[in-house]
Amino acid sequence: MGERALFTHLGGPEVIRAPLRQLLDATDLLGLSQGIIPVGARLLVHPGGGFSIFDDSRVEV
């Protein structure tokens, strides 16, 4: 995840709270690696597309 996404306020805390909770809960999943790419990072390769969390059973990458 890009660091800037953590500072983009679309809809306020009540809107972003659930997706951030799901990301935090996902840290316990085996085989999943998560990280935050700093705003000032120089990337040699684009990290790829984004993802969407729709509900408790569907995530698209």
PDB file of N, CA and C in Angstrom:
ATOM      1  N   MET A   1       0.835  -1.150   0.000  1.00  0.00           N
ATOM      2  CA  MET A   1       0.000   0.000   0.000  1.00  0.00           C
ATOM      3  C   MET A   1       0.892   1.227   0.000  1.00  0.00           C
ATOM      4  N   GLY A   2       0.501   2.216  -0.768  1.00  0.00           N
ATOM      5  CA  GLY A   2       1.234   3.473  -0.771  1.00  0.00           C
ATOM      6  C   GLY A   2       0.921   4.278   0.483  1.00  0.00           C
ATOM      7  N   GLU A   3       1.933   4.869   1.062  1.00  0.00           N
ATOM      8  CA  GLU A   3       1.753   5.653   2.287  1.00  0.00           C
ATOM      9  C   GLU A   3       0.702   6.740   2.111  1.00  0.00           C
ATOM     10  N   ARG A   4       0.649   7.336   0.934  1.00  0.00           N
ATOM     11  CA  ARG A   4      -0.293   8.421   0.689  1.00  0.00           C
ATOM     12  C   ARG A   4      -1.742   7.968   0.910  1.00  0.00           C
ATOM     13  N   ALA A   5      -2.038   6.709   0.656  1.00  0.00           N
ATOM     14  CA  ALA A   5      -3.397   6.197   0.865  1.00  0.00           C
ATOM     15  C   ALA A   5      -3.825   6.314   2.323  1.00  0.00           C
ATOM     16  N   LEU A   6      -2.863   6.267   3.235  1.00  0.00           N
ATOM     17  CA  LEU A   6      -3.187   6.375   4.655  1.00  0.00           C
ATOM     18  C   LEU A   6      -3.541   7.801   5.062  1.00  0.00           C
ATOM     19  N   PHE A   7      -3.178   8.769   4.226  1.00  0.00           N
ATOM     20  CA  PHE A   7      -3.422  10.170   4.545  1.00  0.00           C
ATOM     21  C   PHE A   7      -4.474  10.809   3.645  1.00  0.00           C
ATOM     22  N   THR A   8      -5.093  10.017   2.776  1.00  0.00           N
ATOM     23  CA  THR A   8      -6.144  10.521   1.907  1.00  0.00           C
ATOM     24  C   THR A   8      -7.478  10.319   2.615  1.00  0.00           C
ATOM     25  N   HIS A   9      -8.160  11.402   2.883  1.00  0.00           N
ATOM     26  CA  HIS A   9      -9.393  11.346   3.671  1.00  0.00           C
ATOM     27  C   HIS A   9     -10.603  11.481   2.757  1.00  0.00           C
ATOM     28  N   LEU A  10     -11.151  10.368   2.361  1.00  0.00           N
ATOM     29  CA  LEU A  10     -12.359  10.343   1.553  1.00  0.00           C
ATOM     30  C   LEU A  10     -13.501   9.824   2.414  1.00  0.00           C
ATOM     31  N   GLY A  11     -14.358  10.706   2.861  1.00  0.00           N
ATOM     32  CA  GLY A  11     -15.506  10.278   3.637  1.00  0.00           C
ATOM     33  C   GLY A  11     -15.319  10.314   5.142  1.00  0.00           C
ATOM     34  N   GLY A  12     -14.124  10.555   5.597  1.00  0.00           N
ATOM     35  CA  GLY A  12     -13.900  10.664   7.036  1.00  0.00           C
ATOM     36  C   GLY A  12     -13.632   9.334   7.721  1.00  0.00           C
ATOM     37  N   PRO A  13     -13.384   9.386   9.013  1.00  0.00           N
ATOM     38  CA  PRO A  13     -12.999   8.200   9.785  1.00  0.00           C
ATOM     39  C   PRO A  13     -14.024   7.070   9.743  1.00  0.00           C
ATOM     40  N   GLU A  14     -15.303   7.405   9.744  1.00  0.00           N
ATOM     41  CA  GLU A  14     -16.323   6.352   9.759  1.00  0.00           C
ATOM     42  C   GLU A  14     -16.323   5.534   8.475  1.00  0.00           C
ATOM     43  N   VAL A  15     -15.861   6.120   7.372  1.00  0.00           N
ATOM     44  CA  VAL A  15     -15.818   5.415   6.088  1.00  0.00           C
ATOM     45  C   VAL A  15     -14.585   4.521   5.996  1.00  0.00           C
ATOM     46  N   ILE A  16     -13.452   4.983   6.466  1.00  0.00           N
ATOM     47  CA  ILE A  16     -12.192   4.258   6.295  1.00  0.00           C
ATOM     48  C   ILE A  16     -11.921   3.254   7.412  1.00  0.00           C
ATOM     49  N   ARG A  17     -12.638   3.355   8.513  1.00  0.00           N
ATOM     50  CA  ARG A  17     -12.377   2.491   9.672  1.00  0.00           C
ATOM     51  C   ARG A  17     -12.472   0.997   9.335  1.00  0.00           C
ATOM     52  N   ALA A  18     -13.533   0.567   8.654  1.00  0.00           N
ATOM     53  CA  ALA A  18     -13.719  -0.862   8.354  1.00  0.00           C
ATOM     54  C   ALA A  18     -12.633  -1.407   7.426  1.00  0.00           C
ATOM     55  N   PRO A  19     -12.304  -0.728   6.306  1.00  0.00           N
ATOM     56  CA  PRO A  19     -11.229  -1.259   5.457  1.00  0.00           C
ATOM     57  C   PRO A  19      -9.879  -1.344   6.174  1.00  0.00           C
ATOM     58  N   LEU A  20      -9.570  -0.356   7.004  1.00  0.00           N
ATOM     59  CA  LEU A  20      -8.308  -0.420   7.744  1.00  0.00           C
ATOM     60  C   LEU A  20      -8.323  -1.566   8.752  1.00  0.00           C
ATOM     61  N   ARG A  21      -9.471  -1.830   9.369  1.00  0.00           N
ATOM     62  CA  ARG A  21      -9.587  -2.955  10.308  1.00  0.00           C
ATOM     63  C   ARG A  21      -9.355  -4.271   9.570  1.00  0.00           C
ATOM     64  N   GLN A  22      -9.895  -4.403   8.344  1.00  0.00           N
ATOM     65  CA  GLN A  22      -9.715  -5.621   7.565  1.00  0.00           C
ATOM     66  C   GLN A  22      -8.244  -5.814   7.193  1.00  0.00           C
ATOM     67  N   LEU A  23      -7.556  -4.736   6.845  1.00  0.00           N
ATOM     68  CA  LEU A  23      -6.125  -4.843   6.547  1.00  0.00           C
ATOM     69  C   LEU A  23      -5.349  -5.278   7.782  1.00  0.00           C
ATOM     70  N   LEU A  24      -5.693  -4.719   8.921  1.00  0.00           N
ATOM     71  CA  LEU A  24      -5.023  -5.097  10.167  1.00  0.00           C
ATOM     72  C   LEU A  24      -5.290  -6.561  10.507  1.00  0.00           C
ATOM     73  N   ASP A  25      -6.529  -6.991  10.364  1.00  0.00           N
ATOM     74  CA  ASP A  25      -6.867  -8.390  10.646  1.00  0.00           C
ATOM     75  C   ASP A  25      -6.152  -9.344   9.692  1.00  0.00           C
ATOM     76  N   ALA A  26      -5.903  -8.906   8.461  1.00  0.00           N
ATOM     77  CA  ALA A  26      -5.256  -9.756   7.462  1.00  0.00           C
ATOM     78  C   ALA A  26      -3.794 -10.035   7.796  1.00  0.00           C
ATOM     79  N   THR A  27      -3.206  -9.278   8.705  1.00  0.00           N
ATOM     80  CA  THR A  27      -1.802  -9.509   9.050  1.00  0.00           C
ATOM     81  C   THR A  27      -1.590 -10.881   9.671  1.00  0.00           C
ATOM     82  N   ASP A  28      -2.669 -11.506  10.152  1.00  0.00           N
ATOM     83  CA  ASP A  28      -2.561 -12.836  10.756  1.00  0.00           C
ATOM     84  C   ASP A  28      -2.685 -13.969   9.737  1.00  0.00           C
ATOM     85  N   LEU A  29      -2.970 -13.655   8.478  1.00  0.00           N
ATOM     86  CA  LEU A  29      -3.144 -14.693   7.461  1.00  0.00           C
ATOM     87  C   LEU A  29      -1.790 -15.222   7.001  1.00  0.00           C
ATOM     88  N   LEU A  30      -1.660 -16.537   6.973  1.00  0.00           N
ATOM     89  CA  LEU A  30      -0.421 -17.151   6.498  1.00  0.00           C
ATOM     90  C   LEU A  30      -0.284 -16.923   5.001  1.00  0.00           C
ATOM     91  N   GLY A  31       0.907 -16.668   4.540  1.00  0.00           N
ATOM     92  CA  GLY A  31       1.163 -16.517   3.115  1.00  0.00           C
ATOM     93  C   GLY A  31       0.863 -15.135   2.570  1.00  0.00           C
ATOM     94  N   LEU A  32       0.456 -14.206   3.418  1.00  0.00           N
ATOM     95  CA  LEU A  32       0.162 -12.852   2.965  1.00  0.00           C
ATOM     96  C   LEU A  32       1.231 -11.903   3.478  1.00  0.00           C
ATOM     97  N   SER A  33       1.781 -11.132   2.584  1.00  0.00           N
ATOM     98  CA  SER A  33       2.749 -10.110   2.978  1.00  0.00           C
ATOM     99  C   SER A  33       2.147  -8.748   2.695  1.00  0.00           C
ATOM    100  N   GLN A  34       2.243  -7.868   3.660  1.00  0.00           N
ATOM    101  CA  GLN A  34       1.749  -6.507   3.494  1.00  0.00           C
ATOM    102  C   GLN A  34       2.881  -5.546   3.801  1.00  0.00           C
ATOM    103  N   GLY A  35       2.805  -4.396   3.179  1.00  0.00           N
ATOM    104  CA  GLY A  35       3.800  -3.385   3.451  1.00  0.00           C
ATOM    105  C   GLY A  35       3.298  -2.024   3.044  1.00  0.00           C
ATOM    106  N   ILE A  36       3.994  -0.998   3.502  1.00  0.00           N
ATOM    107  CA  ILE A  36       3.663   0.378   3.157  1.00  0.00           C
ATOM    108  C   ILE A  36       4.851   0.960   2.405  1.00  0.00           C
ATOM    109  N   ILE A  37       4.586   1.472   1.215  1.00  0.00           N
ATOM    110  CA  ILE A  37       5.628   2.087   0.393  1.00  0.00           C
ATOM    111  C   ILE A  37       5.666   3.571   0.748  1.00  0.00           C
ATOM    112  N   PRO A  38       6.794   4.056   1.298  1.00  0.00           N
ATOM    113  CA  PRO A  38       6.898   5.460   1.693  1.00  0.00           C
ATOM    114  C   PRO A  38       6.686   6.401   0.505  1.00  0.00           C
ATOM    115  N   VAL A  39       6.106   7.572   0.789  1.00  0.00           N
ATOM    116  CA  VAL A  39       5.829   8.559  -0.250  1.00  0.00           C
ATOM    117  C   VAL A  39       7.098   8.904  -1.029  1.00  0.00           C
ATOM    118  N   GLY A  40       8.210   9.048  -0.351  1.00  0.00           N
ATOM    119  CA  GLY A  40       9.444   9.460  -1.003  1.00  0.00           C
ATOM    120  C   GLY A  40      10.255   8.323  -1.604  1.00  0.00           C
ATOM    121  N   ALA A  41       9.725   7.115  -1.615  1.00  0.00           N
ATOM    122  CA  ALA A  41      10.479   5.966  -2.130  1.00  0.00           C
ATOM    123  C   ALA A  41      10.701   6.082  -3.628  1.00  0.00           C
ATOM    124  N   ARG A  42      11.888   5.736  -4.060  1.00  0.00           N
ATOM    125  CA  ARG A  42      12.205   5.705  -5.480  1.00  0.00           C
ATOM    126  C   ARG A  42      11.988   4.268  -5.957  1.00  0.00           C
ATOM    127  N   LEU A  43      10.997   4.079  -6.798  1.00  0.00           N
ATOM    128  CA  LEU A  43      10.633   2.738  -7.239  1.00  0.00           C
ATOM    129  C   LEU A  43      11.249   2.432  -8.597  1.00  0.00           C
ATOM    130  N   LEU A  44      11.932   1.312  -8.687  1.00  0.00           N
ATOM    131  CA  LEU A  44      12.498   0.885  -9.959  1.00  0.00           C
ATOM    132  C   LEU A  44      11.471   0.111 -10.781  1.00  0.00           C
ATOM    133  N   VAL A  45      10.495  -0.455 -10.079  1.00  0.00           N
ATOM    134  CA  VAL A  45       9.421  -1.224 -10.718  1.00  0.00           C
ATOM    135  C   VAL A  45       8.107  -0.765 -10.111  1.00  0.00           C
ATOM    136  N   HIS A  46       7.109  -0.535 -10.958  1.00  0.00           N
ATOM    137  CA  HIS A  46       5.786  -0.153 -10.449  1.00  0.00           C
ATOM    138  C   HIS A  46       5.217  -1.330  -9.664  1.00  0.00           C
ATOM    139  N   PRO A  47       4.683  -1.087  -8.459  1.00  0.00           N
ATOM    140  CA  PRO A  47       4.210  -2.193  -7.620  1.00  0.00           C
ATOM    141  C   PRO A  47       2.940  -2.876  -8.127  1.00  0.00           C
ATOM    142  N   GLY A  48       2.375  -2.425  -9.205  1.00  0.00           N
ATOM    143  CA  GLY A  48       1.202  -3.098  -9.766  1.00  0.00           C
ATOM    144  C   GLY A  48      -0.083  -2.358  -9.502  1.00  0.00           C
ATOM    145  N   GLY A  49      -1.161  -3.002  -9.860  1.00  0.00           N
ATOM    146  CA  GLY A  49      -2.482  -2.404  -9.697  1.00  0.00           C
ATOM    147  C   GLY A  49      -2.929  -2.379  -8.255  1.00  0.00           C
ATOM    148  N   GLY A  50      -4.111  -1.932  -8.068  1.00  0.00           N
ATOM    149  CA  GLY A  50      -4.655  -1.814  -6.730  1.00  0.00           C
ATOM    150  C   GLY A  50      -5.511  -3.011  -6.363  1.00  0.00           C
ATOM    151  N   PHE A  51      -6.270  -2.849  -5.306  1.00  0.00           N
ATOM    152  CA  PHE A  51      -7.173  -3.899  -4.865  1.00  0.00           C
ATOM    153  C   PHE A  51      -8.414  -3.247  -4.291  1.00  0.00           C
ATOM    154  N   SER A  52      -9.472  -4.015  -4.204  1.00  0.00           N
ATOM    155  CA  SER A  52     -10.718  -3.546  -3.621  1.00  0.00           C
ATOM    156  C   SER A  52     -11.221  -4.582  -2.631  1.00  0.00           C
ATOM    157  N   ILE A  53     -11.657  -4.120  -1.467  1.00  0.00           N
ATOM    158  CA  ILE A  53     -12.276  -4.994  -0.478  1.00  0.00           C
ATOM    159  C   ILE A  53     -13.765  -4.700  -0.524  1.00  0.00           C
ATOM    160  N   PHE A  54     -14.539  -5.702  -0.925  1.00  0.00           N
ATOM    161  CA  PHE A  54     -15.976  -5.512  -1.074  1.00  0.00           C
ATOM    162  C   PHE A  54     -16.753  -5.896   0.181  1.00  0.00           C
ATOM    163  N   ASP A  55     -16.403  -6.994   0.810  1.00  0.00           N
ATOM    164  CA  ASP A  55     -17.093  -7.462   2.011  1.00  0.00           C
ATOM    165  C   ASP A  55     -16.208  -8.484   2.701  1.00  0.00           C
ATOM    166  N   ASP A  56     -16.773  -9.275   3.588  1.00  0.00           N
ATOM    167  CA  ASP A  56     -15.981 -10.252   4.336  1.00  0.00           C
ATOM    168  C   ASP A  56     -15.543 -11.449   3.504  1.00  0.00           C
ATOM    169  N   SER A  57     -16.032 -11.558   2.259  1.00  0.00           N
ATOM    170  CA  SER A  57     -15.689 -12.737   1.472  1.00  0.00           C
ATOM    171  C   SER A  57     -15.140 -12.431   0.089  1.00  0.00           C
ATOM    172  N   ARG A  58     -15.019 -11.150  -0.279  1.00  0.00           N
ATOM    173  CA  ARG A  58     -14.563 -10.846  -1.634  1.00  0.00           C
ATOM    174  C   ARG A  58     -13.544  -9.718  -1.645  1.00  0.00           C
ATOM    175  N   VAL A  59     -12.366 -10.021  -2.200  1.00  0.00           N
ATOM    176  CA  VAL A  59     -11.314  -9.046  -2.424  1.00  0.00           C
ATOM    177  C   VAL A  59     -10.801  -9.254  -3.828  1.00  0.00           C
ATOM    178  N   GLU A  60     -10.646  -8.180  -4.587  1.00  0.00           N
ATOM    179  CA  GLU A  60     -10.098  -8.276  -5.939  1.00  0.00           C
ATOM    180  C   GLU A  60      -8.757  -7.568  -6.001  1.00  0.00           C
ATOM    181  N   VAL A  61      -7.790  -8.231  -6.621  1.00  0.00           N
ATOM    182  CA  VAL A  61      -6.463  -7.656  -6.801  1.00  0.00           C
ATOM    183  C   VAL A  61      -6.246  -7.384  -8.263  1.00  0.00           C
TER     184      VAL A  61
END
